[in-house]
C-alpha atoms as a PDB file:
ATOM      1  CA  MET A   1     170.431-200.512 -21.683  1.00  0.00           C
ATOM      2  CA  VAL A   2     168.386-203.712 -21.293  1.00  0.00           C
ATOM      3  CA  ASP A   3     171.500-205.866 -20.939  1.00  0.00           C
ATOM      4  CA  ILE A   4     172.955-203.525 -18.307  1.00  0.00           C
ATOM      5  CA  VAL A   5     169.867-202.862 -16.222  1.00  0.00           C
ATOM      6  CA  TRP A   6     168.027-206.186 -16.499  1.00  0.00           C
ATOM      7  CA  PRO A   7     170.383-208.456 -14.420  1.00  0.00           C
ATOM      8  CA  ILE A   8     170.173-206.126 -11.419  1.00  0.00           C
ATOM      9  CA  ARG A   9     166.413-205.714 -11.726  1.00  0.00           C
ATOM     10  CA  ALA A  10     166.030-209.468 -12.156  1.00  0.00           C
ATOM     11  CA  SER A  11     167.739-209.979  -8.796  1.00  0.00           C
ATOM     12  CA  TRP A  12     165.294-207.516  -7.213  1.00  0.00           C
ATOM     13  CA  VAL A  13     162.344-209.409  -8.691  1.00  0.00           C
ATOM     14  CA  SER A  14     163.737-212.746  -7.469  1.00  0.00           C
ATOM     15  CA  ILE A  15     164.035-211.385  -3.923  1.00  0.00           C
ATOM     16  CA  CYS A  16     160.456-210.050  -4.057  1.00  0.00           C
ATOM     17  CA  PHE A  17     159.149-213.449  -5.125  1.00  0.00           C
ATOM     18  CA  PHE A  18     161.219-215.231  -2.464  1.00  0.00           C
ATOM     19  CA  ILE A  19     159.805-213.031   0.299  1.00  0.00           C
ATOM     20  CA  LEU A  20     156.257-213.299  -1.027  1.00  0.00           C
ATOM     21  CA  SER A  21     156.563-217.075  -1.409  1.00  0.00           C
ATOM     22  CA  GLY A  22     157.853-217.512   2.143  1.00  0.00           C
ATOM     23  CA  PHE A  23     154.999-215.398   3.474  1.00  0.00           C
ATOM     24  CA  LEU A  24     152.191-217.008   1.450  1.00  0.00           C
ATOM     25  CA  ILE A  25     153.243-220.632   1.928  1.00  0.00           C
ATOM     26  CA  THR A  26     153.772-220.165   5.678  1.00  0.00           C
ATOM     27  CA  THR A  27     150.461-218.329   6.058  1.00  0.00           C
ATOM     28  CA  LEU A  28     148.551-221.075   4.241  1.00  0.00           C
ATOM     29  CA  LEU A  29     150.176-223.803   6.332  1.00  0.00           C
ATOM     30  CA  ILE A  30     149.628-221.977   9.625  1.00  0.00           C
ATOM     31  CA  ARG A  31     145.977-221.320   8.840  1.00  0.00           C
ATOM     32  CA  GLU A  32     145.474-224.984   7.978  1.00  0.00           C
ATOM     33  CA  ILE A  33     147.097-225.918  11.299  1.00  0.00           C
ATOM     34  CA  ASP A  34     144.824-223.488  13.177  1.00  0.00           C
ATOM     35  CA  GLU A  35     141.720-224.888  11.469  1.00  0.00           C
ATOM     36  CA  ASN A  36     142.514-228.624  11.544  1.00  0.00           C
ATOM     37  CA  GLY A  37     145.185-229.026  14.217  1.00  0.00           C
ATOM     38  CA  GLN A  38     147.770-229.982  11.551  1.00  0.00           C
ATOM     39  CA  PHE A  39     148.266-229.651   7.825  1.00  0.00           C
ATOM     40  CA  SER A  40     148.464-232.453   5.275  1.00  0.00           C
ATOM     41  CA  LEU A  41     151.980-232.936   3.894  1.00  0.00           C
ATOM     42  CA  ARG A  42     150.535-235.107   1.151  1.00  0.00           C
ATOM     43  CA  LYS A  43     148.003-232.508  -0.039  1.00  0.00           C
ATOM     44  CA  PHE A  44     150.595-229.748   0.186  1.00  0.00           C
ATOM     45  CA  ALA A  45     153.037-231.736  -1.965  1.00  0.00           C
ATOM     46  CA  ILE A  46     150.344-232.541  -4.544  1.00  0.00           C
ATOM     47  CA  ARG A  47     149.172-228.920  -4.768  1.00  0.00           C
ATOM     48  CA  ARG A  48     152.713-227.625  -5.243  1.00  0.00           C
ATOM     49  CA  ALA A  49     153.578-230.330  -7.777  1.00  0.00           C
ATOM     50  CA  LEU A  50     150.498-229.690  -9.919  1.00  0.00           C
ATOM     51  CA  ARG A  51     151.104-225.935  -9.800  1.00  0.00           C
ATOM     52  CA  ILE A  52     154.817-225.940 -10.593  1.00  0.00           C
ATOM     53  CA  LEU A  53     155.926-229.107 -12.365  1.00  0.00           C
ATOM     54  CA  PRO A  54     153.871-229.309 -15.611  1.00  0.00           C
ATOM     55  CA  PRO A  55     154.911-225.960 -17.169  1.00  0.00           C
ATOM     56  CA  TYR A  56     158.387-226.220 -15.640  1.00  0.00           C
ATOM     57  CA  TYR A  57     159.160-229.619 -17.145  1.00  0.00           C
ATOM     58  CA  PHE A  58     157.605-228.513 -20.428  1.00  0.00           C
ATOM     59  CA  VAL A  59     159.941-225.504 -20.684  1.00  0.00           C
ATOM     60  CA  VAL A  60     163.045-227.393 -19.532  1.00  0.00           C
ATOM     61  CA  THR A  61     162.417-230.282 -21.941  1.00  0.00           C
ATOM     62  CA  VAL A  62     161.639-228.118 -24.974  1.00  0.00           C
ATOM     63  CA  VAL A  63     164.573-225.743 -24.412  1.00  0.00           C
ATOM     64  CA  GLY A  64     166.920-228.647 -23.683  1.00  0.00           C
ATOM     65  CA  CYS A  65     165.912-230.520 -26.837  1.00  0.00           C
ATOM     66  CA  ILE A  66     166.230-227.413 -29.020  1.00  0.00           C
ATOM     67  CA  SER A  67     169.666-226.667 -27.532  1.00  0.00           C
ATOM     68  CA  ILE A  68     170.866-230.221 -28.162  1.00  0.00           C
ATOM     69  CA  PHE A  69     169.308-231.132 -31.508  1.00  0.00           C
ATOM     70  CA  TYR A  70     168.790-227.767 -33.215  1.00  0.00           C
ATOM     71  CA  LYS A  71     171.541-225.520 -31.898  1.00  0.00           C
ATOM     72  CA  ASP A  72     173.959-228.433 -31.412  1.00  0.00           C
ATOM     73  CA  ILE A  73     174.993-227.259 -27.930  1.00  0.00           C
ATOM     74  CA  GLU A  74     176.351-229.913 -25.562  1.00  0.00           C
ATOM     75  CA  VAL A  75     174.070-229.380 -22.579  1.00  0.00           C
ATOM     76  CA  GLY A  76     172.560-232.844 -22.220  1.00  0.00           C
ATOM     77  CA  TYR A  77     174.637-233.569 -19.110  1.00  0.00           C
ATOM     78  CA  LEU A  78     173.088-230.523 -17.395  1.00  0.00           C
ATOM     79  CA  MET A  79     169.465-231.571 -17.912  1.00  0.00           C
ATOM     80  CA  PRO A  80     169.165-233.914 -14.868  1.00  0.00           C
ATOM     81  CA  TYR A  81     170.206-231.074 -12.559  1.00  0.00           C
ATOM     82  CA  TYR A  82     167.324-228.971 -13.856  1.00  0.00           C
ATOM     83  CA  TYR A  83     164.908-231.885 -13.568  1.00  0.00           C
ATOM     84  CA  PHE A  84     165.893-232.460  -9.930  1.00  0.00           C
ATOM     85  CA  PHE A  85     165.934-228.754  -8.964  1.00  0.00           C
ATOM     86  CA  VAL A  86     169.598-228.254  -8.092  1.00  0.00           C
ATOM     87  CA  ALA A  87     170.288-225.687 -10.816  1.00  0.00           C
ATOM     88  CA  ASN A  88     171.241-223.111  -8.175  1.00  0.00           C
ATOM     89  CA  PHE A  89     174.440-225.101  -7.566  1.00  0.00           C
ATOM     90  CA  LEU A  90     175.478-225.363 -11.228  1.00  0.00           C
ATOM     91  CA  THR A  91     178.733-223.682 -12.260  1.00  0.00           C
ATOM     92  CA  GLU A  92     177.525-223.549 -15.876  1.00  0.00           C
ATOM     93  CA  ARG A  93     173.961-223.207 -17.095  1.00  0.00           C
ATOM     94  CA  ILE A  94     171.854-223.437 -20.210  1.00  0.00           C
ATOM     95  CA  PRO A  95     171.498-219.726 -21.145  1.00  0.00           C
ATOM     96  CA  THR A  96     167.744-219.795 -21.827  1.00  0.00           C
ATOM     97  CA  LEU A  97     167.196-221.612 -18.512  1.00  0.00           C
ATOM     98  CA  SER A  98     169.613-219.552 -16.429  1.00  0.00           C
ATOM     99  CA  ILE A  99     166.823-217.899 -14.407  1.00  0.00           C
ATOM    100  CA  LEU A 100     165.593-221.280 -13.133  1.00  0.00           C
ATOM    101  CA  TRP A 101     168.205-221.323 -10.364  1.00  0.00           C
ATOM    102  CA  SER A 102     165.676-219.337  -8.318  1.00  0.00           C
ATOM    103  CA  LEU A 103     162.956-221.950  -8.801  1.00  0.00           C
ATOM    104  CA  SER A 104     165.396-224.586  -7.555  1.00  0.00           C
ATOM    105  CA  VAL A 105     165.761-222.559  -4.361  1.00  0.00           C
ATOM    106  CA  GLU A 106     161.966-222.339  -4.049  1.00  0.00           C
ATOM    107  CA  GLU A 107     161.543-226.092  -4.497  1.00  0.00           C
ATOM    108  CA  GLN A 108     164.182-226.827  -1.873  1.00  0.00           C
ATOM    109  CA  PHE A 109     162.267-224.531   0.478  1.00  0.00           C
ATOM    110  CA  TYR A 110     158.990-226.330  -0.328  1.00  0.00           C
ATOM    111  CA  VAL A 111     160.597-229.602   0.752  1.00  0.00           C
ATOM    112  CA  LEU A 112     162.378-228.437   3.905  1.00  0.00           C
ATOM    113  CA  TRP A 113     160.026-225.828   5.391  1.00  0.00           C
ATOM    114  CA  PRO A 114     156.774-227.871   5.593  1.00  0.00           C
ATOM    115  CA  LEU A 115     158.725-230.702   7.235  1.00  0.00           C
ATOM    116  CA  THR A 116     160.118-228.207   9.731  1.00  0.00           C
ATOM    117  CA  LEU A 117     156.643-226.831  10.483  1.00  0.00           C
ATOM    118  CA  PHE A 118     155.324-230.366  10.822  1.00  0.00           C
ATOM    119  CA  PHE A 119     157.915-231.667  13.302  1.00  0.00           C
ATOM    120  CA  VAL A 120     159.225-228.597  15.184  1.00  0.00           C
ATOM    121  CA  ARG A 121     157.223-226.878  17.907  1.00  0.00           C
ATOM    122  CA  ARG A 122     155.714-223.675  16.512  1.00  0.00           C
ATOM    123  CA  SER A 123     156.936-221.469  19.381  1.00  0.00           C
ATOM    124  CA  TRP A 124     160.521-222.464  18.598  1.00  0.00           C
ATOM    125  CA  LEU A 125     160.407-221.405  14.971  1.00  0.00           C
ATOM    126  CA  PRO A 126     160.631-217.564  15.217  1.00  0.00           C
ATOM    127  CA  PRO A 127     163.894-217.630  17.238  1.00  0.00           C
ATOM    128  CA  ILE A 128     165.259-220.346  14.922  1.00  0.00           C
ATOM    129  CA  LEU A 129     164.424-218.210  11.878  1.00  0.00           C
ATOM    130  CA  ILE A 130     166.021-215.125  13.438  1.00  0.00           C
ATOM    131  CA  ALA A 131     169.172-217.131  14.191  1.00  0.00           C
ATOM    132  CA  LEU A 132     169.312-218.434  10.612  1.00  0.00           C
ATOM    133  CA  LEU A 133     168.845-214.922   9.225  1.00  0.00           C
ATOM    134  CA  CYS A 134     171.655-213.577  11.416  1.00  0.00           C
ATOM    135  CA  PHE A 135     173.871-216.455  10.284  1.00  0.00           C
ATOM    136  CA  ASN A 136     173.052-215.723   6.648  1.00  0.00           C
ATOM    137  CA  ALA A 137     173.884-212.027   7.120  1.00  0.00           C
ATOM    138  CA  MET A 138     177.243-212.961   8.640  1.00  0.00           C
ATOM    139  CA  ILE A 139     178.231-215.365   5.873  1.00  0.00           C
ATOM    140  CA  GLY A 140     177.191-212.730   3.343  1.00  0.00           C
ATOM    141  CA  ILE A 141     180.025-210.595   4.720  1.00  0.00           C
ATOM    142  CA  TRP A 142     182.637-213.299   5.301  1.00  0.00           C
ATOM    143  CA  TRP A 143     181.679-215.756   2.561  1.00  0.00           C
ATOM    144  CA  ALA A 144     185.231-215.814   1.144  1.00  0.00           C
ATOM    145  CA  TYR A 145     186.442-217.695   4.231  1.00  0.00           C
ATOM    146  CA  LEU A 146     183.906-220.514   3.935  1.00  0.00           C
ATOM    147  CA  PRO A 147     184.773-223.890   2.389  1.00  0.00           C
ATOM    148  CA  SER A 148     183.071-225.177  -0.754  1.00  0.00           C
ATOM    149  CA  ILE A 149     182.448-228.638  -2.173  1.00  0.00           C
ATOM    150  CA  GLU A 150     182.703-229.318  -5.900  1.00  0.00           C
ATOM    151  CA  MET A 151     180.980-232.329  -7.496  1.00  0.00           C
ATOM    152  CA  GLY A 152     181.131-232.342 -11.289  1.00  0.00           C
ATOM    153  CA  PRO A 153     179.266-229.260 -12.562  1.00  0.00           C
ATOM    154  CA  LEU A 154     177.917-228.597  -9.056  1.00  0.00           C
ATOM    155  CA  LEU A 155     179.559-226.249  -6.570  1.00  0.00           C
ATOM    156  CA  PHE A 156     178.123-226.237  -3.056  1.00  0.00           C
ATOM    157  CA  ILE A 157     178.753-222.955  -1.237  1.00  0.00           C
ATOM    158  CA  VAL A 158     176.718-221.787   1.743  1.00  0.00           C
ATOM    159  CA  THR A 159     176.037-218.432   0.100  1.00  0.00           C
ATOM    160  CA  ASP A 160     174.678-220.157  -3.022  1.00  0.00           C
ATOM    161  CA  VAL A 161     171.565-221.159  -1.064  1.00  0.00           C
ATOM    162  CA  PRO A 162     169.824-217.753  -0.784  1.00  0.00           C
ATOM    163  CA  PHE A 163     167.123-218.771   1.658  1.00  0.00           C
ATOM    164  CA  ALA A 164     167.307-215.482   3.609  1.00  0.00           C
ATOM    165  CA  PRO A 165     164.493-213.590   1.800  1.00  0.00           C
ATOM    166  CA  ILE A 166     162.234-216.671   1.881  1.00  0.00           C
ATOM    167  CA  LEU A 167     162.913-217.146   5.599  1.00  0.00           C
ATOM    168  CA  MET A 168     162.251-213.457   6.211  1.00  0.00           C
ATOM    169  CA  GLY A 169     158.875-213.815   4.508  1.00  0.00           C
ATOM    170  CA  ALA A 170     158.183-216.921   6.597  1.00  0.00           C
ATOM    171  CA  LEU A 171     159.153-215.086   9.802  1.00  0.00           C
ATOM    172  CA  PHE A 172     156.796-212.214   8.970  1.00  0.00           C
ATOM    173  CA  ALA A 173     153.995-214.730   8.367  1.00  0.00           C
ATOM    174  CA  MET A 174     154.576-216.431  11.721  1.00  0.00           C
ATOM    175  CA  ILE A 175     154.553-213.125  13.596  1.00  0.00           C
ATOM    176  CA  ALA A 176     151.554-211.735  11.691  1.00  0.00           C
ATOM    177  CA  ASN A 177     149.516-214.886  12.283  1.00  0.00           C
ATOM    178  CA  SER A 178     149.816-214.636  16.064  1.00  0.00           C
ATOM    179  CA  LYS A 179     147.577-212.278  18.046  1.00  0.00           C
ATOM    180  CA  ASP A 180     150.360-210.541  19.985  1.00  0.00           C
ATOM    181  CA  GLY A 181     152.692-210.458  16.980  1.00  0.00           C
ATOM    182  CA  TYR A 182     150.050-208.875  14.765  1.00  0.00           C
ATOM    183  CA  ALA A 183     149.379-206.179  17.381  1.00  0.00           C
ATOM    184  CA  ILE A 184     153.084-205.307  17.566  1.00  0.00           C
ATOM    185  CA  LEU A 185     153.470-205.201  13.792  1.00  0.00           C
ATOM    186  CA  TYR A 186     150.374-203.051  13.393  1.00  0.00           C
ATOM    187  CA  ARG A 187     151.634-200.581  15.990  1.00  0.00           C
ATOM    188  CA  PHE A 188     154.809-199.911  13.994  1.00  0.00           C
ATOM    189  CA  LEU A 189     153.804-200.686  10.392  1.00  0.00           C
ATOM    190  CA  GLY A 190     150.036-200.200  10.333  1.00  0.00           C
ATOM    191  CA  GLY A 191     149.930-196.443   9.928  1.00  0.00           C
ATOM    192  CA  LYS A 192     148.083-194.748   7.080  1.00  0.00           C
ATOM    193  CA  TRP A 193     151.320-193.616   5.429  1.00  0.00           C
ATOM    194  CA  ALA A 194     153.416-196.668   6.354  1.00  0.00           C
ATOM    195  CA  SER A 195     153.300-198.207   2.868  1.00  0.00           C
ATOM    196  CA  SER A 196     154.302-194.909   1.236  1.00  0.00           C
ATOM    197  CA  VAL A 197     157.216-194.496   3.650  1.00  0.00           C
ATOM    198  CA  ALA A 198     158.264-198.137   3.149  1.00  0.00           C
ATOM    199  CA  SER A 199     158.145-197.652  -0.629  1.00  0.00           C
ATOM    200  CA  CYS A 200     160.410-194.585  -0.401  1.00  0.00           C
ATOM    201  CA  VAL A 201     162.837-196.434   1.869  1.00  0.00           C
ATOM    202  CA  LEU A 202     163.014-199.355  -0.559  1.00  0.00           C
ATOM    203  CA  ILE A 203     163.597-197.040  -3.523  1.00  0.00           C
ATOM    204  CA  GLU A 204     166.457-195.369  -1.642  1.00  0.00           C
ATOM    205  CA  VAL A 205     167.988-198.731  -0.730  1.00  0.00           C
ATOM    206  CA  LEU A 206     167.831-199.953  -4.329  1.00  0.00           C
ATOM    207  CA  ALA A 207     169.167-196.625  -5.611  1.00  0.00           C
ATOM    208  CA  PHE A 208     172.335-197.144  -3.587  1.00  0.00           C
ATOM    209  CA  THR A 209     172.766-200.755  -4.705  1.00  0.00           C
ATOM    210  CA  PRO A 210     176.240-201.172  -6.255  1.00  0.00           C
ATOM    211  CA  SER A 211     176.431-201.719 -10.013  1.00  0.00           C
ATOM    212  CA  THR A 212     177.779-205.220  -9.282  1.00  0.00           C
ATOM    213  CA  GLY A 213     174.434-206.172  -7.702  1.00  0.00           C
ATOM    214  CA  ILE A 214     173.108-206.940  -4.232  1.00  0.00           C
ATOM    215  CA  GLU A 215     175.902-208.249  -2.015  1.00  0.00           C
ATOM    216  CA  GLY A 216     177.402-207.887   1.465  1.00  0.00           C
ATOM    217  CA  TRP A 217     175.375-205.687   3.796  1.00  0.00           C
ATOM    218  CA  ASN A 218     173.074-204.803   0.880  1.00  0.00           C
ATOM    219  CA  ASN A 219     171.568-208.289   1.192  1.00  0.00           C
ATOM    220  CA  PRO A 220     169.930-208.088   4.640  1.00  0.00           C
ATOM    221  CA  ILE A 221     169.073-204.389   4.217  1.00  0.00           C
ATOM    222  CA  THR A 222     167.334-205.028   0.874  1.00  0.00           C
ATOM    223  CA  HIS A 223     165.527-208.103   2.218  1.00  0.00           C
ATOM    224  CA  LEU A 224     164.342-206.203   5.288  1.00  0.00           C
ATOM    225  CA  SER A 225     163.170-203.204   3.235  1.00  0.00           C
ATOM    226  CA  MET A 226     161.142-205.398   0.878  1.00  0.00           C
ATOM    227  CA  THR A 227     159.653-207.378   3.776  1.00  0.00           C
ATOM    228  CA  MET A 228     158.649-204.158   5.538  1.00  0.00           C
ATOM    229  CA  LEU A 229     156.863-202.971   2.393  1.00  0.00           C
ATOM    230  CA  LEU A 230     155.032-206.301   2.125  1.00  0.00           C
ATOM    231  CA  ALA A 231     154.079-206.021   5.802  1.00  0.00           C
ATOM    232  CA  THR A 232     152.575-202.562   5.344  1.00  0.00           C
ATOM    233  CA  LEU A 233     150.531-203.774   2.353  1.00  0.00           C
ATOM    234  CA  VAL A 234     149.228-206.786   4.292  1.00  0.00           C
ATOM    235  CA  LEU A 235     148.470-204.822   7.460  1.00  0.00           C
ATOM    236  CA  ARG A 236     146.830-201.872   5.667  1.00  0.00           C
ATOM    237  CA  PRO A 237     145.210-203.030   2.393  1.00  0.00           C
ATOM    238  CA  ASP A 238     143.220-199.761   2.319  1.00  0.00           C
ATOM    239  CA  THR A 239     146.171-197.475   1.489  1.00  0.00           C
ATOM    240  CA  LYS A 240     146.770-195.922  -1.935  1.00  0.00           C
ATOM    241  CA  VAL A 241     149.904-198.022  -2.490  1.00  0.00           C
ATOM    242  CA  ALA A 242     147.976-201.195  -1.675  1.00  0.00           C
ATOM    243  CA  HIS A 243     145.202-200.159  -4.066  1.00  0.00           C
ATOM    244  CA  LEU A 244     147.744-200.150  -6.916  1.00  0.00           C
ATOM    245  CA  PHE A 245     148.259-203.893  -6.395  1.00  0.00           C
ATOM    246  CA  GLN A 246     144.495-204.453  -6.441  1.00  0.00           C
ATOM    247  CA  LEU A 247     143.982-203.008  -9.927  1.00  0.00           C
ATOM    248  CA  PRO A 248     142.534-205.634 -12.313  1.00  0.00           C
ATOM    249  CA  PHE A 249     145.486-205.710 -14.723  1.00  0.00           C
ATOM    250  CA  VAL A 250     147.978-205.946 -11.842  1.00  0.00           C
ATOM    251  CA  ARG A 251     146.017-208.827 -10.305  1.00  0.00           C
ATOM    252  CA  ARG A 252     145.986-210.538 -13.697  1.00  0.00           C
ATOM    253  CA  ILE A 253     149.750-210.153 -14.030  1.00  0.00           C
ATOM    254  CA  GLY A 254     150.006-211.754 -10.601  1.00  0.00           C
ATOM    255  CA  ALA A 255     147.820-214.673 -11.678  1.00  0.00           C
ATOM    256  CA  VAL A 256     150.040-215.505 -14.674  1.00  0.00           C
ATOM    257  CA  SER A 257     153.331-214.341 -13.150  1.00  0.00           C
ATOM    258  CA  TYR A 258     154.690-217.888 -12.876  1.00  0.00           C
ATOM    259  CA  GLY A 259     154.315-218.328 -16.630  1.00  0.00           C
ATOM    260  CA  ILE A 260     155.917-214.948 -17.316  1.00  0.00           C
ATOM    261  CA  TYR A 261     158.849-216.022 -15.152  1.00  0.00           C
ATOM    262  CA  LEU A 262     159.216-219.351 -16.976  1.00  0.00           C
ATOM    263  CA  TYR A 263     158.826-218.116 -20.549  1.00  0.00           C
ATOM    264  CA  HIS A 264     160.446-214.679 -20.537  1.00  0.00           C
ATOM    265  CA  LEU A 265     163.982-215.794 -21.461  1.00  0.00           C
ATOM    266  CA  VAL A 266     162.565-218.014 -24.205  1.00  0.00           C
ATOM    267  CA  THR A 267     160.594-215.118 -25.673  1.00  0.00           C
ATOM    268  CA  LYS A 268     163.587-212.811 -25.286  1.00  0.00           C
ATOM    269  CA  SER A 269     165.755-215.198 -27.299  1.00  0.00           C
ATOM    270  CA  ILE A 270     163.109-215.519 -30.021  1.00  0.00           C
ATOM    271  CA  SER A 271     162.395-211.763 -30.104  1.00  0.00           C
ATOM    272  CA  LEU A 272     166.089-210.924 -30.338  1.00  0.00           C
ATOM    273  CA  SER A 273     166.553-213.353 -33.217  1.00  0.00           C
ATOM    274  CA  VAL A 274     163.555-211.956 -35.123  1.00  0.00           C
ATOM    275  CA  LEU A 275     164.569-208.308 -34.623  1.00  0.00           C
ATOM    276  CA  GLN A 276     168.147-209.037 -35.702  1.00  0.00           C
ATOM    277  CA  LYS A 277     166.902-210.680 -38.905  1.00  0.00           C
ATOM    278  CA  MET A 278     164.835-207.545 -39.522  1.00  0.00           C
ATOM    279  CA  GLY A 279     167.943-205.407 -39.022  1.00  0.00           C
ATOM    280  CA  ILE A 280     166.547-203.748 -35.897  1.00  0.00           C
ATOM    281  CA  ASP A 281     168.915-203.067 -33.002  1.00  0.00           C
ATOM    282  CA  ASN A 282     166.964-201.303 -30.251  1.00  0.00           C
ATOM    283  CA  ASP A 283     167.105-202.501 -26.660  1.00  0.00           C
ATOM    284  CA  TRP A 284     163.889-200.771 -25.586  1.00  0.00           C
ATOM    285  CA  LEU A 285     161.949-202.215 -28.525  1.00  0.00           C
ATOM    286  CA  LEU A 286     163.339-205.630 -27.630  1.00  0.00           C
ATOM    287  CA  LEU A 287     162.139-205.171 -24.059  1.00  0.00           C
ATOM    288  CA  LEU A 288     158.666-204.129 -25.241  1.00  0.00           C
ATOM    289  CA  VAL A 289     158.345-207.019 -27.718  1.00  0.00           C
ATOM    290  CA  TYR A 290     159.481-209.820 -25.452  1.00  0.00           C
ATOM    291  CA  ALA A 291     157.555-208.446 -22.455  1.00  0.00           C
ATOM    292  CA  GLY A 292     154.353-208.628 -24.506  1.00  0.00           C
ATOM    293  CA  ALA A 293     155.280-212.042 -25.889  1.00  0.00           C
ATOM    294  CA  SER A 294     156.048-213.331 -22.390  1.00  0.00           C
ATOM    295  CA  TYR A 295     152.625-212.257 -21.158  1.00  0.00           C
ATOM    296  CA  LEU A 296     150.936-213.840 -24.181  1.00  0.00           C
ATOM    297  CA  MET A 297     152.722-217.166 -23.677  1.00  0.00           C
ATOM    298  CA  ALA A 298     151.938-217.073 -19.964  1.00  0.00           C
ATOM    299  CA  GLU A 299     148.239-216.508 -20.679  1.00  0.00           C
ATOM    300  CA  ILE A 300     148.128-219.379 -23.168  1.00  0.00           C
ATOM    301  CA  SER A 301     149.899-221.669 -20.720  1.00  0.00           C
ATOM    302  CA  PHE A 302     147.632-220.617 -17.852  1.00  0.00           C
ATOM    303  CA  ARG A 303     144.469-221.294 -19.870  1.00  0.00           C
ATOM    304  CA  THR A 304     145.627-224.619 -21.379  1.00  0.00           C
ATOM    305  CA  LEU A 305     148.473-226.633 -19.853  1.00  0.00           C
ATOM    306  CA  GLU A 306     148.169-225.263 -16.317  1.00  0.00           C
ATOM    307  CA  ALA A 307     144.348-225.261 -16.416  1.00  0.00           C
ATOM    308  CA  TYR A 308     144.319-228.978 -17.222  1.00  0.00           C
ATOM    309  CA  PHE A 309     146.402-229.894 -14.164  1.00  0.00           C
ATOM    310  CA  ARG A 310     144.598-227.462 -11.854  1.00  0.00           C
ATOM    311  CA  ARG A 311     141.559-229.739 -12.071  1.00  0.00           C
ATOM    312  CA  PHE A 312     143.360-232.386 -10.039  1.00  0.00           C
ATOM    313  CA  ARG A 313     144.419-230.155  -7.139  1.00  0.00           C
ATOM    314  CA  PRO A 314     143.056-231.350  -3.769  1.00  0.00           C
ATOM    315  CA  SER A 315     141.002-228.826  -1.786  1.00  0.00           C
END
């Protein structure tokens, strides 16, 4: 059951994080612009690097070394692509690092989007984002007709750069952080029951997702449904659905979620090996064990490795 359900659910989680990342990063940058007239590219880059790179390079290096020297798997030639965040273009991946394609997408966004905000007039950005989202929806339908470029283990295809959910989160942030845009959003998505309705809509959309995953028209519909739910939670933080995300244990999961993301495939591999040696073959027990182990590793990382580098973050 875990092996069947998990890949589809993992794609849902990736989309959620993409949308949330686009919204949060854009909101922070816009607010800094409003307060200071412009934001600091240097400080932004330092903050992102200190937040992301230490645990990321730790995991990639340890898993890579174990794969090469302990498991005797020839993956050394793939390591530079993980170090330089182009894993989303790889045609073959290190199994325990396979999820890191999504972090490569995030890092590419962190490079391109602040530069865009810095040099492009702010009033131009919403129509540009809408145009890019429409283009992405079109290529999601007709991707088979698009050319691709192959360079060693890398395959560059337009549809392999899933920026759409991140851009949708960024678009929501730009609209919500303008006076007129916020008023329009609140009129349609600021009702008392808006978050409950948005939750039901999202559940229905995901329920009709094909077993092969999110593709074709499912892409923009799923992205839009998740963005609408986020919008209702931001616009009305006093609703019952919003209160669920404000519970202490949920907020704590959010605080260490980056570590859970990084370590969960490592803990799954270890948990599976241990349970097999014990003669236990139960998918739900495996899920329970490695979920707990992932949280534990994330907490340890957050309080040690990540805490050390957080001290150097500029204000």
